[in-house]
Amino acid sequence: MLAEYGIGLTDMVKTASGSDAELPRDADDVAGFLARIRRVRPGMVAFNGKRAAAIFYDVPSGGLVYGRGVDRADFPPAWVLPSTSGAASGAWRAEPWHLLAQAVAMR
């Protein structure tokens, strides 16, 4: 059903599962993620939470702000959004998700 809206899902960890705190950092496959995104060429990418975005950008998660991320060469615009996980409910804010929705609507 998401594909009907042009939405696809992927992640950077294909060899482990669990909460963000349980995922070993060496399980992240940034190169594989980049290759998948560059192959499919979506109009934009959204990170559901700061963990994956921090690893993707190679910065501490505390150095990230929610909203449009820093552009990377040969990569679609990326958004860093508050996690939808119940474990992250203390950091939940709807505003960054609304900004993403506005950006999608303008495409």
PDB file of N, CA and C in Angstrom:
ATOM      1  N   MET A   1       0.810  -1.199   0.000  1.00  0.00           N
ATOM      2  CA  MET A   1       0.000   0.000   0.000  1.00  0.00           C
ATOM      3  C   MET A   1       0.856   1.266   0.000  1.00  0.00           C
ATOM      4  N   LEU A   2       1.966   1.254   0.702  1.00  0.00           N
ATOM      5  CA  LEU A   2       2.820   2.428   0.707  1.00  0.00           C
ATOM      6  C   LEU A   2       3.353   2.742  -0.682  1.00  0.00           C
ATOM      7  N   ALA A   3       3.639   1.708  -1.468  1.00  0.00           N
ATOM      8  CA  ALA A   3       4.167   1.922  -2.820  1.00  0.00           C
ATOM      9  C   ALA A   3       3.193   2.722  -3.678  1.00  0.00           C
ATOM     10  N   GLU A   4       1.905   2.611  -3.409  1.00  0.00           N
ATOM     11  CA  GLU A   4       0.907   3.390  -4.145  1.00  0.00           C
ATOM     12  C   GLU A   4       1.114   4.888  -3.942  1.00  0.00           C
ATOM     13  N   TYR A   5       1.731   5.249  -2.832  1.00  0.00           N
ATOM     14  CA  TYR A   5       2.003   6.654  -2.515  1.00  0.00           C
ATOM     15  C   TYR A   5       3.448   7.029  -2.831  1.00  0.00           C
ATOM     16  N   GLY A   6       4.174   6.109  -3.433  1.00  0.00           N
ATOM     17  CA  GLY A   6       5.573   6.378  -3.750  1.00  0.00           C
ATOM     18  C   GLY A   6       6.476   6.282  -2.543  1.00  0.00           C
ATOM     19  N   ILE A   7       6.077   5.527  -1.533  1.00  0.00           N
ATOM     20  CA  ILE A   7       6.860   5.397  -0.300  1.00  0.00           C
ATOM     21  C   ILE A   7       7.466   4.001  -0.235  1.00  0.00           C
ATOM     22  N   GLY A   8       8.754   3.946  -0.003  1.00  0.00           N
ATOM     23  CA  GLY A   8       9.441   2.680   0.194  1.00  0.00           C
ATOM     24  C   GLY A   8      10.136   2.689   1.542  1.00  0.00           C
ATOM     25  N   LEU A   9      10.496   1.528   2.019  1.00  0.00           N
ATOM     26  CA  LEU A   9      11.163   1.418   3.311  1.00  0.00           C
ATOM     27  C   LEU A   9      12.451   0.622   3.163  1.00  0.00           C
ATOM     28  N   THR A  10      13.481   1.052   3.849  1.00  0.00           N
ATOM     29  CA  THR A  10      14.719   0.295   3.942  1.00  0.00           C
ATOM     30  C   THR A  10      15.396   0.706   5.248  1.00  0.00           C
ATOM     31  N   ASP A  11      16.507   0.111   5.536  1.00  0.00           N
ATOM     32  CA  ASP A  11      17.260   0.493   6.725  1.00  0.00           C
ATOM     33  C   ASP A  11      18.740   0.257   6.462  1.00  0.00           C
ATOM     34  N   MET A  12      19.548   0.649   7.424  1.00  0.00           N
ATOM     35  CA  MET A  12      20.989   0.486   7.259  1.00  0.00           C
ATOM     36  C   MET A  12      21.499  -0.770   7.946  1.00  0.00           C
ATOM     37  N   VAL A  13      20.668  -1.417   8.746  1.00  0.00           N
ATOM     38  CA  VAL A  13      21.074  -2.633   9.444  1.00  0.00           C
ATOM     39  C   VAL A  13      20.285  -3.797   8.875  1.00  0.00           C
ATOM     40  N   LYS A  14      20.965  -4.686   8.212  1.00  0.00           N
ATOM     41  CA  LYS A  14      20.330  -5.856   7.614  1.00  0.00           C
ATOM     42  C   LYS A  14      20.729  -7.149   8.309  1.00  0.00           C
ATOM     43  N   THR A  15      21.641  -7.090   9.281  1.00  0.00           N
ATOM     44  CA  THR A  15      22.161  -8.308   9.902  1.00  0.00           C
ATOM     45  C   THR A  15      21.833  -8.436  11.379  1.00  0.00           C
ATOM     46  N   ALA A  16      21.129  -7.481  11.945  1.00  0.00           N
ATOM     47  CA  ALA A  16      20.773  -7.512  13.368  1.00  0.00           C
ATOM     48  C   ALA A  16      19.393  -6.892  13.523  1.00  0.00           C
ATOM     49  N   SER A  17      18.791  -7.125  14.664  1.00  0.00           N
ATOM     50  CA  SER A  17      17.495  -6.506  14.940  1.00  0.00           C
ATOM     51  C   SER A  17      17.424  -6.130  16.406  1.00  0.00           C
ATOM     52  N   GLY A  18      16.471  -5.274  16.729  1.00  0.00           N
ATOM     53  CA  GLY A  18      16.292  -4.841  18.105  1.00  0.00           C
ATOM     54  C   GLY A  18      16.114  -3.343  18.171  1.00  0.00           C
ATOM     55  N   SER A  19      16.043  -2.847  19.377  1.00  0.00           N
ATOM     56  CA  SER A  19      15.918  -1.409  19.575  1.00  0.00           C
ATOM     57  C   SER A  19      17.221  -0.734  19.184  1.00  0.00           C
ATOM     58  N   ASP A  20      17.173   0.569  19.013  1.00  0.00           N
ATOM     59  CA  ASP A  20      18.389   1.307  18.645  1.00  0.00           C
ATOM     60  C   ASP A  20      19.538   1.006  19.600  1.00  0.00           C
ATOM     61  N   ALA A  21      19.244   0.940  20.896  1.00  0.00           N
ATOM     62  CA  ALA A  21      20.289   0.707  21.896  1.00  0.00           C
ATOM     63  C   ALA A  21      20.900  -0.688  21.770  1.00  0.00           C
ATOM     64  N   GLU A  22      20.156  -1.634  21.198  1.00  0.00           N
ATOM     65  CA  GLU A  22      20.640  -3.006  21.076  1.00  0.00           C
ATOM     66  C   GLU A  22      21.437  -3.262  19.791  1.00  0.00           C
ATOM     67  N   LEU A  23      21.341  -2.372  18.833  1.00  0.00           N
ATOM     68  CA  LEU A  23      21.999  -2.592  17.549  1.00  0.00           C
ATOM     69  C   LEU A  23      23.492  -2.285  17.646  1.00  0.00           C
ATOM     70  N   PRO A  24      24.343  -3.234  17.280  1.00  0.00           N
ATOM     71  CA  PRO A  24      25.777  -2.945  17.300  1.00  0.00           C
ATOM     72  C   PRO A  24      26.128  -1.971  16.180  1.00  0.00           C
ATOM     73  N   ARG A  25      26.979  -1.015  16.490  1.00  0.00           N
ATOM     74  CA  ARG A  25      27.330   0.013  15.500  1.00  0.00           C
ATOM     75  C   ARG A  25      27.950  -0.586  14.238  1.00  0.00           C
ATOM     76  N   ASP A  26      28.701  -1.674  14.401  1.00  0.00           N
ATOM     77  CA  ASP A  26      29.334  -2.261  13.218  1.00  0.00           C
ATOM     78  C   ASP A  26      28.341  -3.014  12.331  1.00  0.00           C
ATOM     79  N   ALA A  27      27.089  -3.104  12.732  1.00  0.00           N
ATOM     80  CA  ALA A  27      26.071  -3.749  11.903  1.00  0.00           C
ATOM     81  C   ALA A  27      25.512  -2.791  10.850  1.00  0.00           C
ATOM     82  N   ASP A  28      25.755  -1.508  11.015  1.00  0.00           N
ATOM     83  CA  ASP A  28      25.252  -0.523  10.054  1.00  0.00           C
ATOM     84  C   ASP A  28      26.024  -0.635   8.750  1.00  0.00           C
ATOM     85  N   ASP A  29      25.300  -0.635   7.651  1.00  0.00           N
ATOM     86  CA  ASP A  29      25.904  -0.743   6.321  1.00  0.00           C
ATOM     87  C   ASP A  29      25.587   0.534   5.543  1.00  0.00           C
ATOM     88  N   VAL A  30      26.319   1.597   5.842  1.00  0.00           N
ATOM     89  CA  VAL A  30      26.077   2.888   5.195  1.00  0.00           C
ATOM     90  C   VAL A  30      26.323   2.779   3.691  1.00  0.00           C
ATOM     91  N   ALA A  31      27.372   2.082   3.293  1.00  0.00           N
ATOM     92  CA  ALA A  31      27.670   1.949   1.861  1.00  0.00           C
ATOM     93  C   ALA A  31      26.537   1.226   1.136  1.00  0.00           C
ATOM     94  N   GLY A  32      26.000   0.164   1.738  1.00  0.00           N
ATOM     95  CA  GLY A  32      24.883  -0.548   1.132  1.00  0.00           C
ATOM     96  C   GLY A  32      23.637   0.319   1.059  1.00  0.00           C
ATOM     97  N   PHE A  33      23.392   1.087   2.114  1.00  0.00           N
ATOM     98  CA  PHE A  33      22.250   2.013   2.132  1.00  0.00           C
ATOM     99  C   PHE A  33      22.389   3.040   1.015  1.00  0.00           C
ATOM    100  N   LEU A  34      23.571   3.641   0.903  1.00  0.00           N
ATOM    101  CA  LEU A  34      23.818   4.616  -0.166  1.00  0.00           C
ATOM    102  C   LEU A  34      23.579   3.990  -1.544  1.00  0.00           C
ATOM    103  N   ALA A  35      24.070   2.785  -1.737  1.00  0.00           N
ATOM    104  CA  ALA A  35      23.910   2.112  -3.030  1.00  0.00           C
ATOM    105  C   ALA A  35      22.434   1.861  -3.338  1.00  0.00           C
ATOM    106  N   ARG A  36      21.669   1.401  -2.335  1.00  0.00           N
ATOM    107  CA  ARG A  36      20.239   1.136  -2.561  1.00  0.00           C
ATOM    108  C   ARG A  36      19.498   2.419  -2.909  1.00  0.00           C
ATOM    109  N   ILE A  37      19.777   3.479  -2.179  1.00  0.00           N
ATOM    110  CA  ILE A  37      19.085   4.747  -2.431  1.00  0.00           C
ATOM    111  C   ILE A  37      19.490   5.305  -3.791  1.00  0.00           C
ATOM    112  N   ARG A  38      20.751   5.263  -4.107  1.00  0.00           N
ATOM    113  CA  ARG A  38      21.201   5.778  -5.407  1.00  0.00           C
ATOM    114  C   ARG A  38      20.669   4.943  -6.568  1.00  0.00           C
ATOM    115  N   ARG A  39      20.454   3.652  -6.341  1.00  0.00           N
ATOM    116  CA  ARG A  39      19.910   2.804  -7.395  1.00  0.00           C
ATOM    117  C   ARG A  39      18.428   3.116  -7.642  1.00  0.00           C
ATOM    118  N   VAL A  40      17.670   3.324  -6.591  1.00  0.00           N
ATOM    119  CA  VAL A  40      16.222   3.554  -6.708  1.00  0.00           C
ATOM    120  C   VAL A  40      15.908   5.016  -7.018  1.00  0.00           C
ATOM    121  N   ARG A  41      16.758   5.947  -6.558  1.00  0.00           N
ATOM    122  CA  ARG A  41      16.620   7.387  -6.823  1.00  0.00           C
ATOM    123  C   ARG A  41      15.293   7.974  -6.320  1.00  0.00           C
ATOM    124  N   PRO A  42      14.971   7.812  -5.042  1.00  0.00           N
ATOM    125  CA  PRO A  42      13.742   8.430  -4.534  1.00  0.00           C
ATOM    126  C   PRO A  42      13.876   9.950  -4.524  1.00  0.00           C
ATOM    127  N   GLY A  43      12.744  10.631  -4.434  1.00  0.00           N
ATOM    128  CA  GLY A  43      12.748  12.091  -4.393  1.00  0.00           C
ATOM    129  C   GLY A  43      13.272  12.635  -3.084  1.00  0.00           C
ATOM    130  N   MET A  44      13.151  11.854  -2.019  1.00  0.00           N
ATOM    131  CA  MET A  44      13.686  12.247  -0.718  1.00  0.00           C
ATOM    132  C   MET A  44      13.770  11.031   0.182  1.00  0.00           C
ATOM    133  N   VAL A  45      14.520  11.181   1.261  1.00  0.00           N
ATOM    134  CA  VAL A  45      14.741  10.130   2.248  1.00  0.00           C
ATOM    135  C   VAL A  45      14.392  10.705   3.610  1.00  0.00           C
ATOM    136  N   ALA A  46      13.785   9.888   4.458  1.00  0.00           N
ATOM    137  CA  ALA A  46      13.478  10.323   5.824  1.00  0.00           C
ATOM    138  C   ALA A  46      14.035   9.305   6.812  1.00  0.00           C
ATOM    139  N   PHE A  47      14.766   9.785   7.789  1.00  0.00           N
ATOM    140  CA  PHE A  47      15.266   8.941   8.864  1.00  0.00           C
ATOM    141  C   PHE A  47      14.271   9.001  10.016  1.00  0.00           C
ATOM    142  N   ASN A  48      13.769   7.855  10.421  1.00  0.00           N
ATOM    143  CA  ASN A  48      12.821   7.754  11.526  1.00  0.00           C
ATOM    144  C   ASN A  48      13.617   7.632  12.827  1.00  0.00           C
ATOM    145  N   GLY A  49      14.066   8.757  13.328  1.00  0.00           N
ATOM    146  CA  GLY A  49      14.900   8.795  14.518  1.00  0.00           C
ATOM    147  C   GLY A  49      16.302   9.264  14.189  1.00  0.00           C
ATOM    148  N   LYS A  50      17.033   9.642  15.223  1.00  0.00           N
ATOM    149  CA  LYS A  50      18.362  10.225  15.024  1.00  0.00           C
ATOM    150  C   LYS A  50      19.484   9.200  14.890  1.00  0.00           C
ATOM    151  N   ARG A  51      19.300   7.980  15.382  1.00  0.00           N
ATOM    152  CA  ARG A  51      20.403   7.023  15.384  1.00  0.00           C
ATOM    153  C   ARG A  51      20.941   6.775  13.978  1.00  0.00           C
ATOM    154  N   ALA A  52      20.077   6.363  13.079  1.00  0.00           N
ATOM    155  CA  ALA A  52      20.527   6.061  11.716  1.00  0.00           C
ATOM    156  C   ALA A  52      21.064   7.312  11.027  1.00  0.00           C
ATOM    157  N   ALA A  53      20.424   8.442  11.250  1.00  0.00           N
ATOM    158  CA  ALA A  53      20.890   9.690  10.639  1.00  0.00           C
ATOM    159  C   ALA A  53      22.279  10.051  11.157  1.00  0.00           C
ATOM    160  N   ALA A  54      22.518   9.856  12.444  1.00  0.00           N
ATOM    161  CA  ALA A  54      23.826  10.176  13.018  1.00  0.00           C
ATOM    162  C   ALA A  54      24.912   9.294  12.409  1.00  0.00           C
ATOM    163  N   ILE A  55      24.601   8.036  12.200  1.00  0.00           N
ATOM    164  CA  ILE A  55      25.585   7.140  11.595  1.00  0.00           C
ATOM    165  C   ILE A  55      25.775   7.502  10.129  1.00  0.00           C
ATOM    166  N   PHE A  56      24.693   7.789   9.428  1.00  0.00           N
ATOM    167  CA  PHE A  56      24.765   8.181   8.024  1.00  0.00           C
ATOM    168  C   PHE A  56      25.629   9.427   7.849  1.00  0.00           C
ATOM    169  N   TYR A  57      25.410  10.442   8.687  1.00  0.00           N
ATOM    170  CA  TYR A  57      26.160  11.699   8.591  1.00  0.00           C
ATOM    171  C   TYR A  57      27.497  11.658   9.335  1.00  0.00           C
ATOM    172  N   ASP A  58      27.730  10.582  10.103  1.00  0.00           N
ATOM    173  CA  ASP A  58      28.951  10.429  10.894  1.00  0.00           C
ATOM    174  C   ASP A  58      29.142  11.587  11.872  1.00  0.00           C
ATOM    175  N   VAL A  59      28.072  11.864  12.613  1.00  0.00           N
ATOM    176  CA  VAL A  59      28.096  12.884  13.668  1.00  0.00           C
ATOM    177  C   VAL A  59      27.374  12.323  14.891  1.00  0.00           C
ATOM    178  N   PRO A  60      27.660  12.842  16.074  1.00  0.00           N
ATOM    179  CA  PRO A  60      26.890  12.411  17.254  1.00  0.00           C
ATOM    180  C   PRO A  60      25.421  12.801  17.091  1.00  0.00           C
ATOM    181  N   SER A  61      24.524  11.971  17.594  1.00  0.00           N
ATOM    182  CA  SER A  61      23.089  12.269  17.449  1.00  0.00           C
ATOM    183  C   SER A  61      22.727  13.596  18.112  1.00  0.00           C
ATOM    184  N   GLY A  62      23.453  13.986  19.152  1.00  0.00           N
ATOM    185  CA  GLY A  62      23.198  15.272  19.796  1.00  0.00           C
ATOM    186  C   GLY A  62      23.499  16.452  18.898  1.00  0.00           C
ATOM    187  N   GLY A  63      24.286  16.229  17.848  1.00  0.00           N
ATOM    188  CA  GLY A  63      24.611  17.294  16.910  1.00  0.00           C
ATOM    189  C   GLY A  63      23.604  17.446  15.788  1.00  0.00           C
ATOM    190  N   LEU A  64      22.567  16.616  15.800  1.00  0.00           N
ATOM    191  CA  LEU A  64      21.539  16.691  14.762  1.00  0.00           C
ATOM    192  C   LEU A  64      20.319  17.441  15.263  1.00  0.00           C
ATOM    193  N   VAL A  65      19.666  18.117  14.353  1.00  0.00           N
ATOM    194  CA  VAL A  65      18.381  18.742  14.663  1.00  0.00           C
ATOM    195  C   VAL A  65      17.333  18.086  13.769  1.00  0.00           C
ATOM    196  N   TYR A  66      16.115  18.068  14.232  1.00  0.00           N
ATOM    197  CA  TYR A  66      15.034  17.519  13.420  1.00  0.00           C
ATOM    198  C   TYR A  66      14.713  18.468  12.276  1.00  0.00           C
ATOM    199  N   GLY A  67      14.412  17.899  11.135  1.00  0.00           N
ATOM    200  CA  GLY A  67      14.081  18.682   9.953  1.00  0.00           C
ATOM    201  C   GLY A  67      14.955  18.263   8.796  1.00  0.00           C
ATOM    202  N   ARG A  68      15.094  19.136   7.822  1.00  0.00           N
ATOM    203  CA  ARG A  68      15.887  18.848   6.623  1.00  0.00           C
ATOM    204  C   ARG A  68      17.347  18.689   6.998  1.00  0.00           C
ATOM    205  N   GLY A  69      17.933  17.598   6.566  1.00  0.00           N
ATOM    206  CA  GLY A  69      19.323  17.315   6.871  1.00  0.00           C
ATOM    207  C   GLY A  69      20.259  18.013   5.907  1.00  0.00           C
ATOM    208  N   VAL A  70      21.535  17.850   6.161  1.00  0.00           N
ATOM    209  CA  VAL A  70      22.578  18.421   5.311  1.00  0.00           C
ATOM    210  C   VAL A  70      22.603  17.632   4.002  1.00  0.00           C
ATOM    211  N   ASP A  71      22.652  18.353   2.886  1.00  0.00           N
ATOM    212  CA  ASP A  71      22.685  17.700   1.578  1.00  0.00           C
ATOM    213  C   ASP A  71      24.008  16.977   1.368  1.00  0.00           C
ATOM    214  N   ARG A  72      23.926  15.825   0.698  1.00  0.00           N
ATOM    215  CA  ARG A  72      25.107  15.057   0.293  1.00  0.00           C
ATOM    216  C   ARG A  72      25.101  14.948  -1.220  1.00  0.00           C
ATOM    217  N   ALA A  73      26.279  14.938  -1.803  1.00  0.00           N
ATOM    218  CA  ALA A  73      26.388  14.832  -3.258  1.00  0.00           C
ATOM    219  C   ALA A  73      25.743  13.548  -3.756  1.00  0.00           C
ATOM    220  N   ASP A  74      25.053  13.654  -4.869  1.00  0.00           N
ATOM    221  CA  ASP A  74      24.441  12.498  -5.520  1.00  0.00           C
ATOM    222  C   ASP A  74      23.519  11.728  -4.575  1.00  0.00           C
ATOM    223  N   PHE A  75      22.762  12.446  -3.776  1.00  0.00           N
ATOM    224  CA  PHE A  75      21.837  11.826  -2.819  1.00  0.00           C
ATOM    225  C   PHE A  75      20.628  12.740  -2.689  1.00  0.00           C
ATOM    226  N   PRO A  76      19.441  12.158  -2.580  1.00  0.00           N
ATOM    227  CA  PRO A  76      18.249  13.003  -2.473  1.00  0.00           C
ATOM    228  C   PRO A  76      18.222  13.769  -1.151  1.00  0.00           C
ATOM    229  N   PRO A  77      17.375  14.800  -1.071  1.00  0.00           N
ATOM    230  CA  PRO A  77      17.232  15.510   0.206  1.00  0.00           C
ATOM    231  C   PRO A  77      16.855  14.518   1.313  1.00  0.00           C
ATOM    232  N   ALA A  78      17.449  14.684   2.476  1.00  0.00           N
ATOM    233  CA  ALA A  78      17.189  13.790   3.604  1.00  0.00           C
ATOM    234  C   ALA A  78      16.603  14.580   4.765  1.00  0.00           C
ATOM    235  N   TRP A  79      15.722  13.935   5.493  1.00  0.00           N
ATOM    236  CA  TRP A  79      15.051  14.533   6.638  1.00  0.00           C
ATOM    237  C   TRP A  79      15.335  13.699   7.873  1.00  0.00           C
ATOM    238  N   VAL A  80      15.577  14.355   8.993  1.00  0.00           N
ATOM    239  CA  VAL A  80      15.767  13.698  10.282  1.00  0.00           C
ATOM    240  C   VAL A  80      14.499  13.972  11.087  1.00  0.00           C
ATOM    241  N   LEU A  81      13.824  12.882  11.472  1.00  0.00           N
ATOM    242  CA  LEU A  81      12.518  13.017  12.113  1.00  0.00           C
ATOM    243  C   LEU A  81      12.498  12.326  13.468  1.00  0.00           C
ATOM    244  N   PRO A  82      11.654  12.804  14.381  1.00  0.00           N
ATOM    245  CA  PRO A  82      11.525  12.123  15.664  1.00  0.00           C
ATOM    246  C   PRO A  82      11.034  10.689  15.449  1.00  0.00           C
ATOM    247  N   SER A  83      11.605   9.769  16.167  1.00  0.00           N
ATOM    248  CA  SER A  83      11.239   8.370  16.035  1.00  0.00           C
ATOM    249  C   SER A  83       9.774   8.142  16.391  1.00  0.00           C
ATOM    250  N   THR A  84       9.157   7.228  15.660  1.00  0.00           N
ATOM    251  CA  THR A  84       7.775   6.850  15.955  1.00  0.00           C
ATOM    252  C   THR A  84       7.708   5.719  16.969  1.00  0.00           C
ATOM    253  N   SER A  85       8.853   5.273  17.460  1.00  0.00           N
ATOM    254  CA  SER A  85       8.895   4.205  18.452  1.00  0.00           C
ATOM    255  C   SER A  85       8.319   4.691  19.779  1.00  0.00           C
ATOM    256  N   GLY A  86       7.560   3.845  20.409  1.00  0.00           N
ATOM    257  CA  GLY A  86       7.043   4.177  21.737  1.00  0.00           C
ATOM    258  C   GLY A  86       8.152   4.417  22.742  1.00  0.00           C
ATOM    259  N   ALA A  87       9.295   3.763  22.537  1.00  0.00           N
ATOM    260  CA  ALA A  87      10.438   3.947  23.441  1.00  0.00           C
ATOM    261  C   ALA A  87      10.997   5.360  23.355  1.00  0.00           C
ATOM    262  N   ALA A  88      10.705   6.067  22.277  1.00  0.00           N
ATOM    263  CA  ALA A  88      11.211   7.426  22.084  1.00  0.00           C
ATOM    264  C   ALA A  88      10.118   8.471  22.260  1.00  0.00           C
ATOM    265  N   SER A  89       9.056   8.116  22.918  1.00  0.00           N
ATOM    266  CA  SER A  89       7.908   9.038  23.020  1.00  0.00           C
ATOM    267  C   SER A  89       8.253  10.350  23.711  1.00  0.00           C
ATOM    268  N   GLY A  90       9.285  10.379  24.535  1.00  0.00           N
ATOM    269  CA  GLY A  90       9.669  11.612  25.198  1.00  0.00           C
ATOM    270  C   GLY A  90      10.247  12.652  24.254  1.00  0.00           C
ATOM    271  N   ALA A  91      10.741  12.202  23.086  1.00  0.00           N
ATOM    272  CA  ALA A  91      11.315  13.123  22.102  1.00  0.00           C
ATOM    273  C   ALA A  91      10.346  13.417  20.966  1.00  0.00           C
ATOM    274  N   TRP A  92       9.143  12.873  21.053  1.00  0.00           N
ATOM    275  CA  TRP A  92       8.181  13.014  19.949  1.00  0.00           C
ATOM    276  C   TRP A  92       7.727  14.455  19.772  1.00  0.00           C
ATOM    277  N   ARG A  93       7.760  14.908  18.511  1.00  0.00           N
ATOM    278  CA  ARG A  93       7.195  16.208  18.117  1.00  0.00           C
ATOM    279  C   ARG A  93       6.623  16.019  16.723  1.00  0.00           C
ATOM    280  N   ALA A  94       5.459  16.505  16.483  1.00  0.00           N
ATOM    281  CA  ALA A  94       4.814  16.350  15.178  1.00  0.00           C
ATOM    282  C   ALA A  94       5.337  17.346  14.147  1.00  0.00           C
ATOM    283  N   GLU A  95       5.851  18.487  14.571  1.00  0.00           N
ATOM    284  CA  GLU A  95       6.230  19.553  13.637  1.00  0.00           C
ATOM    285  C   GLU A  95       7.197  19.105  12.534  1.00  0.00           C
ATOM    286  N   PRO A  96       8.276  18.369  12.843  1.00  0.00           N
ATOM    287  CA  PRO A  96       9.170  17.953  11.756  1.00  0.00           C
ATOM    288  C   PRO A  96       8.465  17.054  10.733  1.00  0.00           C
ATOM    289  N   TRP A  97       7.549  16.230  11.191  1.00  0.00           N
ATOM    290  CA  TRP A  97       6.784  15.378  10.283  1.00  0.00           C
ATOM    291  C   TRP A  97       5.876  16.235   9.396  1.00  0.00           C
ATOM    292  N   HIS A  98       5.310  17.294   9.957  1.00  0.00           N
ATOM    293  CA  HIS A  98       4.458  18.200   9.159  1.00  0.00           C
ATOM    294  C   HIS A  98       5.293  18.930   8.105  1.00  0.00           C
ATOM    295  N   LEU A  99       6.509  19.324   8.471  1.00  0.00           N
ATOM    296  CA  LEU A  99       7.391  19.985   7.494  1.00  0.00           C
ATOM    297  C   LEU A  99       7.739  19.040   6.341  1.00  0.00           C
ATOM    298  N   LEU A 100       7.986  17.779   6.670  1.00  0.00           N
ATOM    299  CA  LEU A 100       8.238  16.793   5.618  1.00  0.00           C
ATOM    300  C   LEU A 100       7.008  16.649   4.727  1.00  0.00           C
ATOM    301  N   ALA A 101       5.832  16.576   5.315  1.00  0.00           N
ATOM    302  CA  ALA A 101       4.594  16.451   4.530  1.00  0.00           C
ATOM    303  C   ALA A 101       4.437  17.643   3.579  1.00  0.00           C
ATOM    304  N   GLN A 102       4.770  18.828   4.056  1.00  0.00           N
ATOM    305  CA  GLN A 102       4.688  20.019   3.189  1.00  0.00           C
ATOM    306  C   GLN A 102       5.684  19.906   2.042  1.00  0.00           C
ATOM    307  N   ALA A 103       6.896  19.422   2.324  1.00  0.00           N
ATOM    308  CA  ALA A 103       7.910  19.270   1.279  1.00  0.00           C
ATOM    309  C   ALA A 103       7.452  18.235   0.241  1.00  0.00           C
ATOM    310  N   VAL A 104       6.851  17.163   0.702  1.00  0.00           N
ATOM    311  CA  VAL A 104       6.349  16.140  -0.223  1.00  0.00           C
ATOM    312  C   VAL A 104       5.235  16.714  -1.088  1.00  0.00           C
ATOM    313  N   ALA A 105       4.349  17.467  -0.482  1.00  0.00           N
ATOM    314  CA  ALA A 105       3.214  18.043  -1.215  1.00  0.00           C
ATOM    315  C   ALA A 105       3.678  19.035  -2.282  1.00  0.00           C
ATOM    316  N   MET A 106       4.829  19.668  -2.057  1.00  0.00           N
ATOM    317  CA  MET A 106       5.334  20.670  -3.006  1.00  0.00           C
ATOM    318  C   MET A 106       6.077  20.031  -4.181  1.00  0.00           C
ATOM    319  N   ARG A 107       6.362  18.749  -4.129  1.00  0.00           N
ATOM    320  CA  ARG A 107       7.113  18.051  -5.204  1.00  0.00           C
ATOM    321  C   ARG A 107       6.254  17.859  -6.415  1.00  0.00           C
TER     322      ARG A 107
END
